[in-house]
């Protein structure tokens, strides 16, 4: 019975990691749309969505046990999303401080 519970727990973690990766890819899509559109409303809406994804994933990553391959896979995605958000004017706290703050309008 104990082995079965371990397998179920590993599956649960794998699903969470897969969902977070999918969320990051969606956030990168929002960011790309925001950067490429000339429509101000669409730009702002997609920037805000990308930021929500970043904040959510950054919070959730601290709650999930990542394997070294997961870290290798996810770290470049979250760093890329953060960089793209910074290019669009989003502000972040200093490294090591997990708090972020929204862009000043």
PDB file of N, CA and C in Angstrom:
ATOM      1  N   UNK A   1       0.832  -1.200   0.000  1.00  0.00           N
ATOM      2  CA  UNK A   1       0.000   0.000   0.000  1.00  0.00           C
ATOM      3  C   UNK A   1       0.870   1.256   0.000  1.00  0.00           C
ATOM      4  N   UNK A   2       1.976   1.266   0.757  1.00  0.00           N
ATOM      5  CA  UNK A   2       2.841   2.430   0.818  1.00  0.00           C
ATOM      6  C   UNK A   2       3.448   2.786  -0.524  1.00  0.00           C
ATOM      7  N   UNK A   3       3.845   1.776  -1.303  1.00  0.00           N
ATOM      8  CA  UNK A   3       4.436   2.011  -2.621  1.00  0.00           C
ATOM      9  C   UNK A   3       3.414   2.643  -3.559  1.00  0.00           C
ATOM     10  N   UNK A   4       2.164   2.177  -3.478  1.00  0.00           N
ATOM     11  CA  UNK A   4       1.102   2.728  -4.332  1.00  0.00           C
ATOM     12  C   UNK A   4       0.871   4.206  -4.011  1.00  0.00           C
ATOM     13  N   UNK A   5       0.898   4.560  -2.725  1.00  0.00           N
ATOM     14  CA  UNK A   5       0.723   5.960  -2.329  1.00  0.00           C
ATOM     15  C   UNK A   5       1.882   6.817  -2.826  1.00  0.00           C
ATOM     16  N   UNK A   6       3.091   6.290  -2.812  1.00  0.00           N
ATOM     17  CA  UNK A   6       4.240   7.034  -3.334  1.00  0.00           C
ATOM     18  C   UNK A   6       4.084   7.297  -4.825  1.00  0.00           C
ATOM     19  N   UNK A   7       3.619   6.306  -5.554  1.00  0.00           N
ATOM     20  CA  UNK A   7       3.416   6.467  -6.998  1.00  0.00           C
ATOM     21  C   UNK A   7       2.342   7.520  -7.264  1.00  0.00           C
ATOM     22  N   UNK A   8       1.272   7.457  -6.501  1.00  0.00           N
ATOM     23  CA  UNK A   8       0.197   8.452  -6.652  1.00  0.00           C
ATOM     24  C   UNK A   8       0.735   9.851  -6.361  1.00  0.00           C
ATOM     25  N   UNK A   9       1.541   9.988  -5.313  1.00  0.00           N
ATOM     26  CA  UNK A   9       2.120  11.292  -4.957  1.00  0.00           C
ATOM     27  C   UNK A   9       3.046  11.792  -6.062  1.00  0.00           C
ATOM     28  N   UNK A  10       3.862  10.912  -6.614  1.00  0.00           N
ATOM     29  CA  UNK A  10       4.747  11.311  -7.721  1.00  0.00           C
ATOM     30  C   UNK A  10       3.947  11.735  -8.944  1.00  0.00           C
ATOM     31  N   UNK A  11       2.863  11.036  -9.227  1.00  0.00           N
ATOM     32  CA  UNK A  11       1.991  11.422 -10.349  1.00  0.00           C
ATOM     33  C   UNK A  11       1.371  12.792 -10.098  1.00  0.00           C
ATOM     34  N   UNK A  12       0.970  13.029  -8.862  1.00  0.00           N
ATOM     35  CA  UNK A  12       0.356  14.313  -8.505  1.00  0.00           C
ATOM     36  C   UNK A  12       1.364  15.457  -8.696  1.00  0.00           C
ATOM     37  N   UNK A  13       2.590  15.240  -8.273  1.00  0.00           N
ATOM     38  CA  UNK A  13       3.640  16.250  -8.444  1.00  0.00           C
ATOM     39  C   UNK A  13       3.914  16.477  -9.928  1.00  0.00           C
ATOM     40  N   UNK A  14       4.007  15.395 -10.695  1.00  0.00           N
ATOM     41  CA  UNK A  14       4.268  15.503 -12.144  1.00  0.00           C
ATOM     42  C   UNK A  14       3.181  16.313 -12.825  1.00  0.00           C
ATOM     43  N   UNK A  15       1.926  16.089 -12.441  1.00  0.00           N
ATOM     44  CA  UNK A  15       0.808  16.837 -13.030  1.00  0.00           C
ATOM     45  C   UNK A  15       0.937  18.317 -12.685  1.00  0.00           C
ATOM     46  N   UNK A  16       1.276  18.633 -11.431  1.00  0.00           N
ATOM     47  CA  UNK A  16       1.449  20.040 -11.036  1.00  0.00           C
ATOM     48  C   UNK A  16       2.554  20.704 -11.847  1.00  0.00           C
ATOM     49  N   UNK A  17       3.666  20.011 -12.024  1.00  0.00           N
ATOM     50  CA  UNK A  17       4.782  20.560 -12.791  1.00  0.00           C
ATOM     51  C   UNK A  17       4.360  20.785 -14.245  1.00  0.00           C
ATOM     52  N   UNK A  18       3.639  19.829 -14.808  1.00  0.00           N
ATOM     53  CA  UNK A  18       3.170  19.969 -16.191  1.00  0.00           C
ATOM     54  C   UNK A  18       2.215  21.151 -16.341  1.00  0.00           C
ATOM     55  N   UNK A  19       1.345  21.343 -15.360  1.00  0.00           N
ATOM     56  CA  UNK A  19       0.408  22.474 -15.399  1.00  0.00           C
ATOM     57  C   UNK A  19       1.176  23.791 -15.312  1.00  0.00           C
ATOM     58  N   UNK A  20       2.167  23.867 -14.437  1.00  0.00           N
ATOM     59  CA  UNK A  20       2.956  25.096 -14.305  1.00  0.00           C
ATOM     60  C   UNK A  20       3.723  25.399 -15.595  1.00  0.00           C
ATOM     61  N   UNK A  21       4.256  24.377 -16.224  1.00  0.00           N
ATOM     62  CA  UNK A  21       4.965  24.570 -17.489  1.00  0.00           C
ATOM     63  C   UNK A  21       4.000  25.084 -18.561  1.00  0.00           C
ATOM     64  N   UNK A  22       2.816  24.513 -18.609  1.00  0.00           N
ATOM     65  CA  UNK A  22       1.799  24.957 -19.568  1.00  0.00           C
ATOM     66  C   UNK A  22       1.407  26.406 -19.292  1.00  0.00           C
ATOM     67  N   UNK A  23       1.266  26.752 -18.026  1.00  0.00           N
ATOM     68  CA  UNK A  23       0.948  28.136 -17.651  1.00  0.00           C
ATOM     69  C   UNK A  23       2.052  29.091 -18.118  1.00  0.00           C
ATOM     70  N   UNK A  24       3.298  28.693 -17.925  1.00  0.00           N
ATOM     71  CA  UNK A  24       4.415  29.535 -18.375  1.00  0.00           C
ATOM     72  C   UNK A  24       4.380  29.743 -19.882  1.00  0.00           C
ATOM     73  N   UNK A  25       4.090  28.701 -20.622  1.00  0.00           N
ATOM     74  CA  UNK A  25       4.006  28.829 -22.080  1.00  0.00           C
ATOM     75  C   UNK A  25       2.867  29.762 -22.474  1.00  0.00           C
ATOM     76  N   UNK A  26       1.752  29.693 -21.752  1.00  0.00           N
ATOM     77  CA  UNK A  26       0.638  30.620 -22.006  1.00  0.00           C
ATOM     78  C   UNK A  26       1.061  32.051 -21.679  1.00  0.00           C
ATOM     79  N   UNK A  27       1.771  32.233 -20.569  1.00  0.00           N
ATOM     80  CA  UNK A  27       2.257  33.566 -20.194  1.00  0.00           C
ATOM     81  C   UNK A  27       3.183  34.139 -21.246  1.00  0.00           C
ATOM     82  N   UNK A  28       4.035  33.301 -21.806  1.00  0.00           N
ATOM     83  CA  UNK A  28       4.931  33.756 -22.879  1.00  0.00           C
ATOM     84  C   UNK A  28       4.144  34.139 -24.129  1.00  0.00           C
ATOM     85  N   UNK A  29       3.054  33.436 -24.386  1.00  0.00           N
ATOM     86  CA  UNK A  29       2.198  33.797 -25.518  1.00  0.00           C
ATOM     87  C   UNK A  29       1.529  35.147 -25.269  1.00  0.00           C
ATOM     88  N   UNK A  30       1.003  35.358 -24.061  1.00  0.00           N
ATOM     89  CA  UNK A  30       0.415  36.664 -23.727  1.00  0.00           C
ATOM     90  C   UNK A  30       1.453  37.765 -23.918  1.00  0.00           C
ATOM     91  N   UNK A  31       2.657  37.526 -23.444  1.00  0.00           N
ATOM     92  CA  UNK A  31       3.722  38.516 -23.553  1.00  0.00           C
ATOM     93  C   UNK A  31       4.050  38.825 -25.016  1.00  0.00           C
ATOM     94  N   UNK A  32       4.139  37.795 -25.821  1.00  0.00           N
ATOM     95  CA  UNK A  32       4.444  37.975 -27.246  1.00  0.00           C
ATOM     96  C   UNK A  32       3.359  38.805 -27.930  1.00  0.00           C
ATOM     97  N   UNK A  33       2.107  38.497 -27.645  1.00  0.00           N
ATOM     98  CA  UNK A  33       0.996  39.260 -28.228  1.00  0.00           C
ATOM     99  C   UNK A  33       1.075  40.714 -27.774  1.00  0.00           C
ATOM    100  N   UNK A  34       1.335  40.927 -26.492  1.00  0.00           N
ATOM    101  CA  UNK A  34       1.427  42.295 -25.956  1.00  0.00           C
ATOM    102  C   UNK A  34       2.533  43.087 -26.644  1.00  0.00           C
ATOM    103  N   UNK A  35       3.645  42.429 -26.928  1.00  0.00           N
ATOM    104  CA  UNK A  35       4.774  43.118 -27.550  1.00  0.00           C
ATOM    105  C   UNK A  35       4.560  43.376 -29.035  1.00  0.00           C
ATOM    106  N   UNK A  36       3.749  42.548 -29.690  1.00  0.00           N
ATOM    107  CA  UNK A  36       3.615  42.655 -31.142  1.00  0.00           C
ATOM    108  C   UNK A  36       2.422  43.474 -31.611  1.00  0.00           C
ATOM    109  N   UNK A  37       1.432  43.672 -30.741  1.00  0.00           N
ATOM    110  CA  UNK A  37       0.238  44.381 -31.178  1.00  0.00           C
ATOM    111  C   UNK A  37       0.423  45.894 -31.093  1.00  0.00           C
ATOM    112  N   UNK A  38      -0.263  46.593 -31.969  1.00  0.00           N
ATOM    113  CA  UNK A  38      -0.260  48.056 -31.908  1.00  0.00           C
ATOM    114  C   UNK A  38      -1.522  48.565 -31.203  1.00  0.00           C
ATOM    115  N   UNK A  39      -2.439  47.661 -30.891  1.00  0.00           N
ATOM    116  CA  UNK A  39      -3.681  47.999 -30.191  1.00  0.00           C
ATOM    117  C   UNK A  39      -3.372  48.152 -28.703  1.00  0.00           C
ATOM    118  N   UNK A  40      -3.502  49.379 -28.195  1.00  0.00           N
ATOM    119  CA  UNK A  40      -3.147  49.665 -26.804  1.00  0.00           C
ATOM    120  C   UNK A  40      -3.921  48.854 -25.787  1.00  0.00           C
ATOM    121  N   UNK A  41      -5.211  48.649 -26.024  1.00  0.00           N
ATOM    122  CA  UNK A  41      -6.042  47.884 -25.080  1.00  0.00           C
ATOM    123  C   UNK A  41      -5.599  46.424 -25.068  1.00  0.00           C
ATOM    124  N   UNK A  42      -5.378  45.880 -26.245  1.00  0.00           N
ATOM    125  CA  UNK A  42      -4.934  44.488 -26.360  1.00  0.00           C
ATOM    126  C   UNK A  42      -3.549  44.318 -25.732  1.00  0.00           C
ATOM    127  N   UNK A  43      -2.683  45.295 -25.952  1.00  0.00           N
ATOM    128  CA  UNK A  43      -1.334  45.257 -25.373  1.00  0.00           C
ATOM    129  C   UNK A  43      -1.406  45.207 -23.847  1.00  0.00           C
ATOM    130  N   UNK A  44      -2.195  46.104 -23.258  1.00  0.00           N
ATOM    131  CA  UNK A  44      -2.304  46.182 -21.802  1.00  0.00           C
ATOM    132  C   UNK A  44      -2.936  44.917 -21.221  1.00  0.00           C
ATOM    133  N   UNK A  45      -4.005  44.443 -21.854  1.00  0.00           N
ATOM    134  CA  UNK A  45      -4.688  43.240 -21.368  1.00  0.00           C
ATOM    135  C   UNK A  45      -3.743  42.039 -21.367  1.00  0.00           C
ATOM    136  N   UNK A  46      -2.998  41.864 -22.438  1.00  0.00           N
ATOM    137  CA  UNK A  46      -2.097  40.723 -22.540  1.00  0.00           C
ATOM    138  C   UNK A  46      -0.888  40.870 -21.617  1.00  0.00           C
ATOM    139  N   UNK A  47      -0.405  42.095 -21.415  1.00  0.00           N
ATOM    140  CA  UNK A  47       0.678  42.319 -20.459  1.00  0.00           C
ATOM    141  C   UNK A  47       0.210  41.950 -19.057  1.00  0.00           C
ATOM    142  N   UNK A  48      -0.997  42.376 -18.711  1.00  0.00           N
ATOM    143  CA  UNK A  48      -1.537  42.060 -17.386  1.00  0.00           C
ATOM    144  C   UNK A  48      -1.701  40.551 -17.194  1.00  0.00           C
ATOM    145  N   UNK A  49      -2.172  39.871 -18.220  1.00  0.00           N
ATOM    146  CA  UNK A  49      -2.331  38.418 -18.130  1.00  0.00           C
ATOM    147  C   UNK A  49      -0.975  37.729 -17.972  1.00  0.00           C
ATOM    148  N   UNK A  50       0.021  38.194 -18.709  1.00  0.00           N
ATOM    149  CA  UNK A  50       1.364  37.618 -18.600  1.00  0.00           C
ATOM    150  C   UNK A  50       1.899  37.816 -17.186  1.00  0.00           C
ATOM    151  N   UNK A  51       1.648  38.974 -16.602  1.00  0.00           N
ATOM    152  CA  UNK A  51       2.115  39.248 -15.241  1.00  0.00           C
ATOM    153  C   UNK A  51       1.408  38.354 -14.226  1.00  0.00           C
ATOM    154  N   UNK A  52       0.103  38.161 -14.419  1.00  0.00           N
ATOM    155  CA  UNK A  52      -0.640  37.276 -13.521  1.00  0.00           C
ATOM    156  C   UNK A  52      -0.072  35.864 -13.568  1.00  0.00           C
ATOM    157  N   UNK A  53       0.239  35.413 -14.777  1.00  0.00           N
ATOM    158  CA  UNK A  53       0.827  34.081 -14.924  1.00  0.00           C
ATOM    159  C   UNK A  53       2.163  34.024 -14.196  1.00  0.00           C
ATOM    160  N   UNK A  54       3.006  35.022 -14.406  1.00  0.00           N
ATOM    161  CA  UNK A  54       4.319  35.031 -13.744  1.00  0.00           C
ATOM    162  C   UNK A  54       4.153  34.958 -12.233  1.00  0.00           C
ATOM    163  N   UNK A  55       3.311  35.818 -11.677  1.00  0.00           N
ATOM    164  CA  UNK A  55       3.130  35.855 -10.219  1.00  0.00           C
ATOM    165  C   UNK A  55       2.599  34.527  -9.691  1.00  0.00           C
ATOM    166  N   UNK A  56       1.631  33.953 -10.379  1.00  0.00           N
ATOM    167  CA  UNK A  56       1.041  32.684  -9.961  1.00  0.00           C
ATOM    168  C   UNK A  56       2.076  31.560 -10.007  1.00  0.00           C
ATOM    169  N   UNK A  57       2.793  31.454 -11.120  1.00  0.00           N
ATOM    170  CA  UNK A  57       3.782  30.383 -11.267  1.00  0.00           C
ATOM    171  C   UNK A  57       4.917  30.565 -10.262  1.00  0.00           C
ATOM    172  N   UNK A  58       5.372  31.790 -10.071  1.00  0.00           N
ATOM    173  CA  UNK A  58       6.453  32.041  -9.110  1.00  0.00           C
ATOM    174  C   UNK A  58       6.040  31.597  -7.708  1.00  0.00           C
ATOM    175  N   UNK A  59       4.800  31.848  -7.347  1.00  0.00           N
ATOM    176  CA  UNK A  59       4.292  31.421  -6.042  1.00  0.00           C
ATOM    177  C   UNK A  59       4.186  29.901  -5.965  1.00  0.00           C
ATOM    178  N   UNK A  60       3.600  29.300  -6.994  1.00  0.00           N
ATOM    179  CA  UNK A  60       3.369  27.858  -6.990  1.00  0.00           C
ATOM    180  C   UNK A  60       4.667  27.050  -7.053  1.00  0.00           C
ATOM    181  N   UNK A  61       5.685  27.580  -7.712  1.00  0.00           N
ATOM    182  CA  UNK A  61       6.951  26.852  -7.796  1.00  0.00           C
ATOM    183  C   UNK A  61       7.553  26.599  -6.423  1.00  0.00           C
ATOM    184  N   UNK A  62       7.296  27.509  -5.499  1.00  0.00           N
ATOM    185  CA  UNK A  62       7.799  27.332  -4.145  1.00  0.00           C
ATOM    186  C   UNK A  62       7.068  26.248  -3.366  1.00  0.00           C
ATOM    187  N   UNK A  63       5.953  25.786  -3.906  1.00  0.00           N
ATOM    188  CA  UNK A  63       5.131  24.790  -3.215  1.00  0.00           C
ATOM    189  C   UNK A  63       5.259  23.393  -3.814  1.00  0.00           C
ATOM    190  N   UNK A  64       6.029  23.271  -4.896  1.00  0.00           N
ATOM    191  CA  UNK A  64       6.152  21.998  -5.595  1.00  0.00           C
ATOM    192  C   UNK A  64       7.599  21.524  -5.517  1.00  0.00           C
ATOM    193  N   UNK A  65       7.775  20.237  -5.290  1.00  0.00           N
ATOM    194  CA  UNK A  65       9.116  19.650  -5.269  1.00  0.00           C
ATOM    195  C   UNK A  65       9.570  19.394  -6.703  1.00  0.00           C
ATOM    196  N   UNK A  66      10.533  20.189  -7.166  1.00  0.00           N
ATOM    197  CA  UNK A  66      11.030  20.041  -8.528  1.00  0.00           C
ATOM    198  C   UNK A  66      12.257  19.149  -8.558  1.00  0.00           C
ATOM    199  N   UNK A  67      12.319  18.286  -9.545  1.00  0.00           N
ATOM    200  CA  UNK A  67      13.512  17.478  -9.768  1.00  0.00           C
ATOM    201  C   UNK A  67      14.521  18.344 -10.519  1.00  0.00           C
ATOM    202  N   UNK A  68      15.802  17.970 -10.514  1.00  0.00           N
ATOM    203  CA  UNK A  68      16.788  18.742 -11.288  1.00  0.00           C
ATOM    204  C   UNK A  68      16.387  18.929 -12.769  1.00  0.00           C
ATOM    205  N   UNK A  69      15.856  17.901 -13.452  1.00  0.00           N
ATOM    206  CA  UNK A  69      15.412  18.139 -14.830  1.00  0.00           C
ATOM    207  C   UNK A  69      14.251  19.137 -14.925  1.00  0.00           C
ATOM    208  N   UNK A  70      13.355  19.114 -13.918  1.00  0.00           N
ATOM    209  CA  UNK A  70      12.259  20.089 -13.902  1.00  0.00           C
ATOM    210  C   UNK A  70      12.812  21.505 -13.796  1.00  0.00           C
ATOM    211  N   UNK A  71      13.794  21.685 -12.918  1.00  0.00           N
ATOM    212  CA  UNK A  71      14.412  23.003 -12.734  1.00  0.00           C
ATOM    213  C   UNK A  71      15.060  23.456 -14.049  1.00  0.00           C
ATOM    214  N   UNK A  72      15.802  22.546 -14.692  1.00  0.00           N
ATOM    215  CA  UNK A  72      16.443  22.874 -15.971  1.00  0.00           C
ATOM    216  C   UNK A  72      15.425  23.265 -17.026  1.00  0.00           C
ATOM    217  N   UNK A  73      14.261  22.652 -16.986  1.00  0.00           N
ATOM    218  CA  UNK A  73      13.215  22.913 -17.958  1.00  0.00           C
ATOM    219  C   UNK A  73      12.461  24.207 -17.664  1.00  0.00           C
ATOM    220  N   UNK A  74      12.162  24.451 -16.395  1.00  0.00           N
ATOM    221  CA  UNK A  74      11.305  25.579 -16.015  1.00  0.00           C
ATOM    222  C   UNK A  74      12.067  26.890 -15.838  1.00  0.00           C
ATOM    223  N   UNK A  75      13.281  26.837 -15.324  1.00  0.00           N
ATOM    224  CA  UNK A  75      14.026  28.064 -15.022  1.00  0.00           C
ATOM    225  C   UNK A  75      14.175  28.980 -16.234  1.00  0.00           C
ATOM    226  N   UNK A  76      14.549  28.467 -17.407  1.00  0.00           N
ATOM    227  CA  UNK A  76      14.671  29.377 -18.554  1.00  0.00           C
ATOM    228  C   UNK A  76      13.335  29.993 -18.967  1.00  0.00           C
ATOM    229  N   UNK A  77      12.256  29.241 -18.797  1.00  0.00           N
ATOM    230  CA  UNK A  77      10.936  29.764 -19.183  1.00  0.00           C
ATOM    231  C   UNK A  77      10.504  30.902 -18.264  1.00  0.00           C
ATOM    232  N   UNK A  78      10.644  30.707 -16.959  1.00  0.00           N
ATOM    233  CA  UNK A  78      10.209  31.760 -16.033  1.00  0.00           C
ATOM    234  C   UNK A  78      11.135  32.973 -16.141  1.00  0.00           C
ATOM    235  N   UNK A  79      12.427  32.734 -16.375  1.00  0.00           N
ATOM    236  CA  UNK A  79      13.363  33.849 -16.536  1.00  0.00           C
ATOM    237  C   UNK A  79      13.050  34.637 -17.806  1.00  0.00           C
ATOM    238  N   UNK A  80      12.705  33.924 -18.871  1.00  0.00           N
ATOM    239  CA  UNK A  80      12.346  34.593 -20.132  1.00  0.00           C
ATOM    240  C   UNK A  80      11.078  35.430 -19.965  1.00  0.00           C
ATOM    241  N   UNK A  81      10.082  34.863 -19.283  1.00  0.00           N
ATOM    242  CA  UNK A  81       8.848  35.612 -19.054  1.00  0.00           C
ATOM    243  C   UNK A  81       9.135  36.855 -18.214  1.00  0.00           C
ATOM    244  N   UNK A  82       9.936  36.715 -17.182  1.00  0.00           N
ATOM    245  CA  UNK A  82      10.284  37.862 -16.345  1.00  0.00           C
ATOM    246  C   UNK A  82      11.008  38.932 -17.179  1.00  0.00           C
ATOM    247  N   UNK A  83      11.942  38.529 -18.012  1.00  0.00           N
ATOM    248  CA  UNK A  83      12.677  39.479 -18.855  1.00  0.00           C
ATOM    249  C   UNK A  83      11.749  40.210 -19.810  1.00  0.00           C
ATOM    250  N   UNK A  84      10.829  39.470 -20.399  1.00  0.00           N
ATOM    251  CA  UNK A  84       9.881  40.100 -21.319  1.00  0.00           C
ATOM    252  C   UNK A  84       8.976  41.090 -20.586  1.00  0.00           C
ATOM    253  N   UNK A  85       8.558  40.728 -19.391  1.00  0.00           N
ATOM    254  CA  UNK A  85       7.738  41.642 -18.594  1.00  0.00           C
ATOM    255  C   UNK A  85       8.516  42.900 -18.226  1.00  0.00           C
ATOM    256  N   UNK A  86       9.780  42.739 -17.880  1.00  0.00           N
ATOM    257  CA  UNK A  86      10.610  43.905 -17.555  1.00  0.00           C
ATOM    258  C   UNK A  86      10.742  44.825 -18.775  1.00  0.00           C
ATOM    259  N   UNK A  87      10.891  44.247 -19.957  1.00  0.00           N
ATOM    260  CA  UNK A  87      10.961  45.065 -21.180  1.00  0.00           C
ATOM    261  C   UNK A  87       9.685  45.863 -21.409  1.00  0.00           C
ATOM    262  N   UNK A  88       8.564  45.340 -20.881  1.00  0.00           N
ATOM    263  CA  UNK A  88       7.284  46.034 -21.026  1.00  0.00           C
ATOM    264  C   UNK A  88       7.016  46.973 -19.854  1.00  0.00           C
ATOM    265  N   UNK A  89       7.993  47.136 -18.962  1.00  0.00           N
ATOM    266  CA  UNK A  89       7.860  48.102 -17.880  1.00  0.00           C
ATOM    267  C   UNK A  89       7.478  47.536 -16.528  1.00  0.00           C
ATOM    268  N   UNK A  90       7.368  46.216 -16.412  1.00  0.00           N
ATOM    269  CA  UNK A  90       7.042  45.625 -15.113  1.00  0.00           C
ATOM    270  C   UNK A  90       8.226  45.770 -14.177  1.00  0.00           C
ATOM    271  N   UNK A  91       7.944  45.980 -12.912  1.00  0.00           N
ATOM    272  CA  UNK A  91       8.977  46.133 -11.889  1.00  0.00           C
ATOM    273  C   UNK A  91       8.959  44.925 -10.964  1.00  0.00           C
ATOM    274  N   UNK A  92      10.141  44.492 -10.551  1.00  0.00           N
ATOM    275  CA  UNK A  92      10.287  43.359  -9.649  1.00  0.00           C
ATOM    276  C   UNK A  92      11.205  43.770  -8.512  1.00  0.00           C
ATOM    277  N   UNK A  93      11.016  43.132  -7.377  1.00  0.00           N
ATOM    278  CA  UNK A  93      11.887  43.384  -6.231  1.00  0.00           C
ATOM    279  C   UNK A  93      13.259  42.776  -6.505  1.00  0.00           C
ATOM    280  N   UNK A  94      14.199  43.040  -5.610  1.00  0.00           N
ATOM    281  CA  UNK A  94      15.544  42.504  -5.762  1.00  0.00           C
ATOM    282  C   UNK A  94      15.536  40.991  -5.723  1.00  0.00           C
ATOM    283  N   UNK A  95      16.520  40.390  -6.381  1.00  0.00           N
ATOM    284  CA  UNK A  95      16.662  38.930  -6.369  1.00  0.00           C
ATOM    285  C   UNK A  95      16.735  38.448  -4.927  1.00  0.00           C
ATOM    286  N   UNK A  96      16.167  37.290  -4.662  1.00  0.00           N
ATOM    287  CA  UNK A  96      16.166  36.729  -3.328  1.00  0.00           C
ATOM    288  C   UNK A  96      14.949  37.148  -2.527  1.00  0.00           C
ATOM    289  N   UNK A  97      14.312  38.218  -2.937  1.00  0.00           N
ATOM    290  CA  UNK A  97      13.081  38.666  -2.311  1.00  0.00           C
ATOM    291  C   UNK A  97      11.954  38.213  -3.229  1.00  0.00           C
ATOM    292  N   UNK A  98      11.194  37.236  -2.815  1.00  0.00           N
ATOM    293  CA  UNK A  98      10.187  36.637  -3.682  1.00  0.00           C
ATOM    294  C   UNK A  98       8.983  37.526  -3.946  1.00  0.00           C
ATOM    295  N   UNK A  99       8.956  38.681  -3.313  1.00  0.00           N
ATOM    296  CA  UNK A  99       7.825  39.582  -3.531  1.00  0.00           C
ATOM    297  C   UNK A  99       8.040  40.340  -4.843  1.00  0.00           C
ATOM    298  N   UNK A 100       6.948  40.538  -5.535  1.00  0.00           N
ATOM    299  CA  UNK A 100       6.984  41.338  -6.760  1.00  0.00           C
ATOM    300  C   UNK A 100       5.957  42.448  -6.601  1.00  0.00           C
ATOM    301  N   UNK A 101       6.094  43.442  -7.374  1.00  0.00           N
ATOM    302  CA  UNK A 101       5.096  44.500  -7.326  1.00  0.00           C
ATOM    303  C   UNK A 101       4.659  44.825  -8.745  1.00  0.00           C
ATOM    304  N   UNK A 102       3.412  45.253  -8.909  1.00  0.00           N
ATOM    305  CA  UNK A 102       2.931  45.535 -10.245  1.00  0.00           C
ATOM    306  C   UNK A 102       3.584  46.761 -10.850  1.00  0.00           C
ATOM    307  N   UNK A 103       3.508  46.832 -12.136  1.00  0.00           N
ATOM    308  CA  UNK A 103       4.030  47.945 -12.915  1.00  0.00           C
ATOM    309  C   UNK A 103       3.305  49.217 -12.500  1.00  0.00           C
ATOM    310  N   UNK A 104       4.027  50.306 -12.465  1.00  0.00           N
ATOM    311  CA  UNK A 104       3.394  51.600 -12.191  1.00  0.00           C
ATOM    312  C   UNK A 104       2.707  52.057 -13.466  1.00  0.00           C
ATOM    313  N   UNK A 105       1.420  52.435 -13.375  1.00  0.00           N
ATOM    314  CA  UNK A 105       0.701  52.878 -14.593  1.00  0.00           C
ATOM    315  C   UNK A 105       1.226  54.198 -15.113  1.00  0.00           C
TER     316      UNK A 105
END
